[in-house]
Protein backbone atom coordinates (compact mmCIF):
# COMPACT_ATOMS: atom_id res chain seq x y z
CA MET A 1 3.07 25.88 16.86
CA ILE A 2 2.34 23.21 14.26
CA ASP A 3 -1.24 22.05 13.71
CA LEU A 4 -1.34 18.50 12.31
CA HIS A 5 -5.12 18.08 12.07
CA CYS A 6 -7.41 20.66 10.49
CA HIS A 7 -10.17 20.89 7.91
CA ILE A 8 -9.26 24.00 5.93
CA LEU A 9 -9.40 22.80 2.31
CA PRO A 10 -12.61 24.36 0.97
CA GLY A 11 -15.47 22.14 -0.12
CA LEU A 12 -13.86 18.76 0.54
CA ASP A 13 -15.64 17.75 3.76
CA ASP A 14 -17.54 19.20 6.74
CA GLY A 15 -14.88 21.85 7.32
CA ALA A 16 -14.38 25.09 5.41
CA ALA A 17 -16.99 25.36 2.67
CA THR A 18 -15.54 28.27 0.68
CA PRO A 19 -12.18 29.97 0.10
CA ASP A 20 -13.41 32.88 2.23
CA GLU A 21 -13.97 30.49 5.16
CA THR A 22 -10.53 29.01 4.59
CA LEU A 23 -9.00 32.48 4.66
CA ALA A 24 -10.79 33.31 7.92
CA LEU A 25 -9.52 30.08 9.52
CA LEU A 26 -5.97 30.77 8.37
CA GLN A 27 -6.09 34.29 9.77
CA LEU A 28 -7.32 32.97 13.12
CA ALA A 29 -4.58 30.33 13.12
CA VAL A 30 -1.88 32.94 12.50
CA ALA A 31 -3.30 35.12 15.28
CA ASP A 32 -3.19 32.13 17.64
CA GLY A 33 0.51 31.52 16.97
CA ILE A 34 0.28 28.65 14.48
CA SER A 35 3.06 28.73 11.87
CA ARG A 36 2.37 25.46 10.03
CA MET A 37 -0.83 23.53 9.30
CA VAL A 38 -1.37 20.12 7.76
CA ALA A 39 -4.77 20.07 6.09
CA THR A 40 -6.40 16.70 6.79
CA PRO A 41 -9.71 16.36 4.93
CA HIS A 42 -11.83 13.35 5.79
CA ILE A 43 -11.55 10.18 3.76
CA ASN A 44 -14.70 8.21 4.56
CA PRO A 45 -16.08 6.16 1.67
CA GLY A 46 -19.63 7.07 0.75
CA TYR A 47 -19.43 10.34 2.69
CA PHE A 48 -16.17 12.03 1.77
CA ASP A 49 -14.57 10.27 -1.19
CA ASN A 50 -11.39 12.31 -1.28
CA LYS A 51 -8.41 11.07 -3.26
CA PRO A 52 -4.82 12.38 -3.34
CA ASN A 53 -5.34 14.24 -6.64
CA ILE A 54 -8.41 16.05 -5.25
CA ILE A 55 -6.59 16.93 -2.03
CA ASN A 56 -3.49 18.16 -3.86
CA ALA A 57 -5.54 20.39 -6.18
CA ALA A 58 -7.29 21.98 -3.20
CA LEU A 59 -3.95 22.38 -1.43
CA ALA A 60 -2.55 24.29 -4.41
CA ASP A 61 -5.53 26.67 -4.27
CA VAL A 62 -5.06 27.28 -0.54
CA ARG A 63 -1.35 27.92 -0.99
CA GLN A 64 -2.22 30.52 -3.60
CA LEU A 65 -4.62 32.08 -1.08
CA VAL A 66 -1.77 32.24 1.45
CA ARG A 67 0.51 33.94 -1.10
CA THR A 68 -2.16 36.40 -2.23
CA HIS A 69 -2.86 37.53 1.32
CA GLN A 70 0.79 37.27 2.41
CA LEU A 71 -0.02 35.15 5.44
CA PRO A 72 2.98 34.00 7.52
CA ILE A 73 1.96 30.34 7.55
CA GLN A 74 3.00 27.17 5.71
CA ILE A 75 0.51 24.57 4.50
CA ALA A 76 0.88 20.88 3.64
CA ALA A 77 -1.75 18.17 3.30
CA ALA A 78 -2.54 14.61 4.35
CA ALA A 79 -5.94 13.16 5.39
CA GLU A 80 -8.01 11.96 8.32
CA VAL A 81 -8.93 8.41 7.37
CA ARG A 82 -12.01 6.76 8.84
CA LEU A 83 -11.62 3.17 10.02
CA THR A 84 -13.76 1.17 7.57
CA ASP A 85 -13.52 -2.13 5.71
CA GLN A 86 -12.21 -0.20 2.70
CA LEU A 87 -9.12 1.11 4.46
CA MET A 88 -6.81 -1.80 3.65
CA PRO A 89 -7.54 -1.94 -0.11
CA ALA A 90 -7.31 1.86 -0.32
CA MET A 91 -3.90 1.78 1.31
CA GLU A 92 -2.69 -1.00 -0.96
CA MET A 93 -3.74 1.12 -3.96
CA GLY A 94 -1.81 4.13 -2.66
CA LEU A 95 -4.92 6.23 -2.06
CA LEU A 96 -4.21 7.26 1.54
CA PRO A 97 -1.99 10.30 2.16
CA PHE A 98 0.29 9.99 5.18
CA LEU A 99 0.87 12.60 7.86
CA GLY A 100 4.63 12.03 7.89
CA VAL A 101 7.06 9.63 9.54
CA TRP A 102 7.61 8.57 13.17
CA GLN A 103 10.61 6.43 14.09
CA GLY A 104 10.90 5.07 10.56
CA GLN A 105 7.21 4.28 10.05
CA LYS A 106 4.73 6.24 7.95
CA VAL A 107 2.03 7.92 10.06
CA LEU A 108 -1.65 7.53 9.15
CA LEU A 109 -4.15 9.83 10.90
CA LEU A 110 -6.89 7.34 11.76
CA GLU A 111 -10.39 8.22 12.96
CA LEU A 112 -12.39 5.69 14.98
CA PRO A 113 -16.19 5.83 15.05
CA HIS A 114 -17.28 8.18 17.83
CA SER A 115 -19.60 5.53 19.28
CA HIS A 116 -17.21 2.63 19.91
CA VAL A 117 -13.88 0.93 19.26
CA PRO A 118 -14.74 -1.64 16.57
CA ALA A 119 -13.92 -5.29 17.16
CA GLY A 120 -10.74 -6.21 15.33
CA THR A 121 -9.24 -2.72 15.50
CA ASP A 122 -6.07 -4.15 17.05
CA LYS A 123 -5.73 -6.61 14.14
CA LEU A 124 -6.01 -3.77 11.62
CA LEU A 125 -3.36 -1.81 13.52
CA LYS A 126 -1.04 -4.82 13.47
CA TRP A 127 -1.65 -5.17 9.71
CA LEU A 128 -0.67 -1.53 9.28
CA ALA A 129 2.47 -2.10 11.35
CA ARG A 130 3.47 -4.99 9.08
CA HIS A 131 3.28 -2.49 6.22
CA ASP A 132 5.51 -0.01 8.11
CA VAL A 133 2.57 2.23 8.98
CA ILE A 134 1.78 3.50 12.46
CA ALA A 135 -1.68 4.83 13.23
CA MET A 136 -2.15 8.15 14.97
CA ILE A 137 -5.59 7.89 16.58
CA ALA A 138 -7.41 11.19 16.13
CA HIS A 139 -9.11 12.58 19.25
CA PRO A 140 -9.49 9.30 21.21
CA GLU A 141 -11.02 11.35 24.05
CA ARG A 142 -14.16 11.76 21.92
CA ASN A 143 -14.80 8.01 21.60
CA ARG A 144 -17.66 6.87 23.88
CA ASP A 145 -16.16 3.42 24.57
CA ILE A 146 -12.94 5.07 25.73
CA GLN A 147 -14.82 7.67 27.77
CA ALA A 148 -16.70 4.87 29.55
CA ASN A 149 -13.68 2.64 30.11
CA PHE A 150 -10.13 3.93 29.87
CA GLN A 151 -8.90 0.33 29.60
CA CYS A 152 -10.05 0.47 25.96
CA LEU A 153 -6.86 2.43 25.37
CA ALA A 154 -4.64 -0.46 26.47
CA PRO A 155 -4.74 -2.58 23.27
CA LEU A 156 -4.22 0.55 21.15
CA LYS A 157 -1.21 1.48 23.22
CA ARG A 158 0.17 -2.08 23.08
CA VAL A 159 0.34 -2.05 19.29
CA GLY A 160 2.22 1.24 19.39
CA CYS A 161 -0.42 3.75 18.32
CA LEU A 162 0.17 7.45 18.57
CA PHE A 163 -2.60 9.57 20.10
CA GLN A 164 -3.68 13.04 18.97
CA LEU A 165 -5.40 15.35 21.43
CA THR A 166 -7.91 17.86 20.11
CA GLY A 167 -7.23 21.12 21.94
CA SER A 168 -10.89 22.11 22.30
CA SER A 169 -11.56 18.84 24.15
CA LEU A 170 -9.01 19.69 26.83
CA ILE A 171 -10.22 23.25 27.41
CA GLY A 172 -13.83 22.11 27.77
CA ASP A 173 -15.35 23.47 24.56
CA LEU A 174 -16.69 20.05 23.55
CA GLY A 175 -18.24 19.10 26.89
CA ALA A 176 -17.36 17.59 30.25
CA ARG A 177 -16.94 13.96 29.14
CA HIS A 178 -14.46 14.89 26.44
CA GLN A 179 -12.57 17.08 28.87
CA GLN A 180 -12.42 14.46 31.62
CA CYS A 181 -11.11 11.81 29.24
CA ALA A 182 -8.56 14.24 27.81
CA GLU A 183 -7.37 15.18 31.30
CA TYR A 184 -6.93 11.49 32.19
CA MET A 185 -4.87 10.87 29.06
CA VAL A 186 -2.74 13.94 29.75
CA ALA A 187 -2.15 12.75 33.32
CA GLN A 188 -1.00 9.39 31.93
CA ARG A 189 1.19 11.13 29.30
CA LEU A 190 -0.54 9.16 26.55
CA TYR A 191 -0.73 11.89 23.92
CA HIS A 192 1.93 12.55 21.31
CA VAL A 193 0.42 15.56 19.52
CA VAL A 194 -2.10 18.32 20.21
CA ALA A 195 -4.00 19.69 17.20
CA SER A 196 -6.95 21.99 16.59
CA ASP A 197 -9.15 19.78 14.36
CA CYS A 198 -10.64 23.10 13.29
CA HIS A 199 -13.67 23.06 10.99
CA ASN A 200 -15.17 26.55 11.14
CA ILE A 201 -14.70 29.93 12.78
CA ASP A 202 -17.70 29.75 15.11
CA ARG A 203 -17.93 26.36 16.83
CA ARG A 204 -14.59 24.74 15.99
CA PRO A 205 -11.94 27.39 15.34
CA PRO A 206 -8.16 26.80 15.25
CA LYS A 207 -7.42 27.10 18.97
CA LEU A 208 -4.10 25.73 20.12
CA SER A 209 -2.58 28.32 22.45
CA ALA A 210 -5.27 27.85 25.12
CA ALA A 211 -4.75 24.08 25.01
CA VAL A 212 -0.98 24.51 25.31
CA ARG A 213 -1.47 26.65 28.42
CA CYS A 214 -3.76 23.98 29.84
CA LEU A 215 -1.19 21.25 29.07
CA THR A 216 1.45 23.30 30.86
CA ASP A 217 -0.79 23.64 33.92
CA LEU A 218 -1.83 19.96 34.00
CA ALA A 219 1.55 18.47 33.08
CA ASP A 220 4.53 20.75 32.43
CA GLU A 221 5.94 23.11 29.84
CA GLN A 222 8.13 20.43 28.23
CA TYR A 223 5.17 18.12 27.58
CA ALA A 224 3.19 21.04 26.14
CA LEU A 225 6.08 21.90 23.80
CA ASP A 226 6.54 18.27 22.77
CA LEU A 227 2.88 18.00 21.76
CA SER A 228 2.57 21.36 20.02
CA VAL A 229 6.01 21.84 18.45
CA HIS A 230 8.65 19.12 18.81
CA ASN A 231 6.70 15.95 17.91
CA PRO A 232 4.72 17.60 15.08
CA GLU A 233 8.00 18.92 13.66
CA LEU A 234 9.59 15.46 13.77
CA ILE A 235 6.59 13.79 12.16
CA THR A 236 6.25 16.29 9.31
CA GLN A 237 9.90 16.49 8.24
CA SER A 238 9.05 14.43 5.16
CA LEU A 239 6.15 16.67 4.10
CA ASN A 240 6.45 19.44 1.54
CA PHE A 241 5.76 22.83 3.12
CA GLU A 242 6.00 25.88 0.91
CA ASP A 243 8.02 28.88 2.03
CA VAL A 244 6.27 31.39 4.23
CA ALA A 245 4.88 34.28 2.18
């Protein structure tokens, strides 16, 4: 499996705090059947001011960790970018790492506020599209506006967004509302990718295999494979993964 959303770079955000925590997360990921991970630290101005040079330096350290411990996993990096008024200038300055490419457009992993879908989100998404960028909305099932009214998904779908399911939402680890929304979106075949969004070994570990089994039960095996293997592989073809140790 390929995990396109995880917080394993130590000390960059609210994910792994130390190299030891990173190592523990990587070991859990390998045990769960994950062969590739894209580290996606938060970019949220004023909270997590990560830049490509910072992310790349941390990535190099984690790759060395993988080599030292001979872990059978490949690591690349992008970012989870919060929707703020600084997103457009940051993109124009080349400060936003992309997750890969989908149907000729660069893919930006975009995080909405958990509380609502901001007014004007569709206009921002159209602006991105004019710049050959498609947004992959991270864990839409966690957004309270979407939980309360599934029609909030319609304008996002109309502008061609991709949707990323967080596995722990679907299996119920994050609560009933998250699970119900995730199950609705699975039933409608709205998701393109399932990812772990792992942060730590206790509350938010890298769990994908349980979510894939759930996807198979709720939909079918092909959809589960598309979300966990085929689509992530297509998207990340342009990323640089190092050889497995």
